[in-house]
Amino acid sequence: MGSIRANALKTQGVSAIAEALADAPEAMVSVRGQDRFVVMDIEHYRYLRECELTAALAESQADLAAGRFVVESVEAHLKRLAKL
């Protein structure tokens, strides 16, 4: 994974990001020597979001198959949430 120092962002702007992403789909941004942020190509971001949504769907389907769900009215649902 590439790395970008915060100072490079200040002086070079988006070109520092483009350079770091030339060889990798994501790059760390370090601030005062500590990794703080990650930047990535938009296509890589979209791919990761799709993976998250696919995992959430699989988890929901597993919950349904295992009977881990509640059927209730909106009012009952809101009351249950208020107790949490």
Protein backbone atom coordinates (compact mmCIF):
# COMPACT_ATOMS: atom_id res chain seq x y z
CA MET A 1 0.00 0.00 0.00
CA GLY A 2 1.29 3.43 -0.89
CA SER A 3 1.82 6.20 1.60
CA ILE A 4 1.31 9.95 1.45
CA ARG A 5 2.59 12.39 4.03
CA ALA A 6 0.18 15.15 4.99
CA ASN A 7 2.80 17.70 4.02
CA ALA A 8 2.86 16.28 0.48
CA LEU A 9 -0.90 16.82 0.32
CA LYS A 10 -0.43 20.43 1.36
CA THR A 11 2.20 21.12 -1.25
CA GLN A 12 1.19 18.82 -4.13
CA GLY A 13 -2.56 18.43 -3.60
CA VAL A 14 -4.43 15.85 -5.63
CA SER A 15 -1.35 15.00 -7.67
CA ALA A 16 0.20 13.45 -4.51
CA ILE A 17 -2.85 11.20 -4.25
CA ALA A 18 -2.75 10.29 -7.94
CA GLU A 19 0.94 9.43 -7.67
CA ALA A 20 0.39 7.21 -4.61
CA LEU A 21 -2.51 5.42 -6.31
CA ALA A 22 -0.59 4.76 -9.51
CA ASP A 23 0.69 1.42 -8.15
CA ALA A 24 -1.97 0.48 -5.59
CA PRO A 25 -5.75 0.80 -5.19
CA GLU A 26 -5.38 2.57 -1.84
CA ALA A 27 -2.82 4.61 0.08
CA MET A 28 -2.32 5.63 3.71
CA VAL A 29 -2.11 9.30 4.64
CA SER A 30 0.28 9.88 7.52
CA VAL A 31 0.10 12.87 9.81
CA ARG A 32 3.16 13.52 11.98
CA GLY A 33 4.40 10.01 11.26
CA GLN A 34 1.15 8.25 12.20
CA ASP A 35 -1.18 6.63 9.66
CA ARG A 36 -4.48 8.50 9.98
CA PHE A 37 -6.46 8.19 6.75
CA VAL A 38 -6.83 6.03 3.67
CA VAL A 39 -7.49 7.32 0.16
CA MET A 40 -8.53 5.11 -2.70
CA ASP A 41 -9.60 5.06 -6.28
CA ILE A 42 -13.37 5.47 -6.65
CA GLU A 43 -13.73 2.11 -8.39
CA HIS A 44 -11.98 0.37 -5.49
CA TYR A 45 -14.29 2.20 -3.06
CA ARG A 46 -17.35 1.07 -5.03
CA TYR A 47 -16.04 -2.51 -4.99
CA LEU A 48 -15.56 -2.40 -1.20
CA ARG A 49 -19.05 -0.95 -0.70
CA GLU A 50 -20.49 -3.73 -2.86
CA CYS A 51 -18.65 -6.29 -0.71
CA GLU A 52 -20.10 -4.70 2.46
CA LEU A 53 -23.61 -4.78 1.04
CA THR A 54 -23.21 -8.39 -0.10
CA ALA A 55 -22.01 -9.38 3.38
CA ALA A 56 -24.94 -7.53 5.02
CA LEU A 57 -27.40 -9.30 2.71
CA ALA A 58 -25.85 -12.70 3.51
CA GLU A 59 -26.07 -11.93 7.24
CA SER A 60 -29.73 -10.92 6.91
CA GLN A 61 -30.54 -14.06 4.93
CA ALA A 62 -28.83 -16.20 7.59
CA ASP A 63 -30.84 -14.45 10.32
CA LEU A 64 -34.08 -15.11 8.43
CA ALA A 65 -33.18 -18.77 7.85
CA ALA A 66 -32.33 -19.22 11.56
CA GLY A 67 -35.52 -17.49 12.71
CA ARG A 68 -33.70 -14.54 14.27
CA PHE A 69 -36.32 -11.90 13.52
CA VAL A 70 -39.38 -10.28 15.09
CA VAL A 71 -42.75 -9.60 13.49
CA GLU A 72 -44.40 -6.62 15.17
CA SER A 73 -46.22 -3.38 14.53
CA VAL A 74 -44.45 -0.07 14.09
CA GLU A 75 -45.64 1.04 17.53
CA ALA A 76 -44.35 -2.12 19.20
CA HIS A 77 -41.04 -1.77 17.38
CA LEU A 78 -40.61 1.83 18.55
CA LYS A 79 -41.44 0.85 22.15
CA ARG A 80 -38.87 -1.96 22.01
CA LEU A 81 -36.24 0.44 20.62
CA ALA A 82 -36.98 2.99 23.36
CA LYS A 83 -36.14 0.35 25.98
CA LEU A 84 -32.66 -0.24 24.55
